[in-house]
Each structure stands twice: as C-alpha cells, then as structure tokens.
Amino acid sequence: MAHGLDKTLFDEITGQLKAKAIRVKTGTLVDATIIASASEDDEEGHWVKHKGRPAVHGYKILWGCAGRPARSRW
C-alpha cells in the first residue's frame, strides 16, 4: 500500500489489542466508507444512514483485506 500505511494501521491495532491482552491469530480487516454524491438527482446513489447519524445520499463502499494466518507474538 502507498506510504506503508497498512503497516502503520496494523501496528496501531496490534498495540491496542496487546494492551488489552487480546490475541488475534487470523482475521480480516474490513472498512465501510460513505461517499456523498454530487447531487440527490444522481440515480446511482442511495440514501445511507448509520447509527444515529444523518442520512447521506451517496455510495457505501465496502472493502476487506484478508491476510494469511499468523502466530501471536505476545
């Protein structure tokens, strides 16, 4: 990934899990991003609402990144 941001993200998450004594041996990183459309007249966009936040007309983009199983290091 650009600028090594994936390693930075995984290192941060690993540190937070380690601080709480949580071990993760396998898994998938999933992200959901909402991008507003330029106009409510955009026929491809949909109304998207999430947990008490105001509804947005736009697109919900979901992606996941699965890594190979790894050994716990702590």
Foldseek 3Di string as FASTA:
>chain_A
DPPCVVVVVVVVVLVVCVVVPHDDFWDKDKDKDWDADPDLPPPVWDWDDDDPDDTGTGDIDMDMDTDDGDDTDD
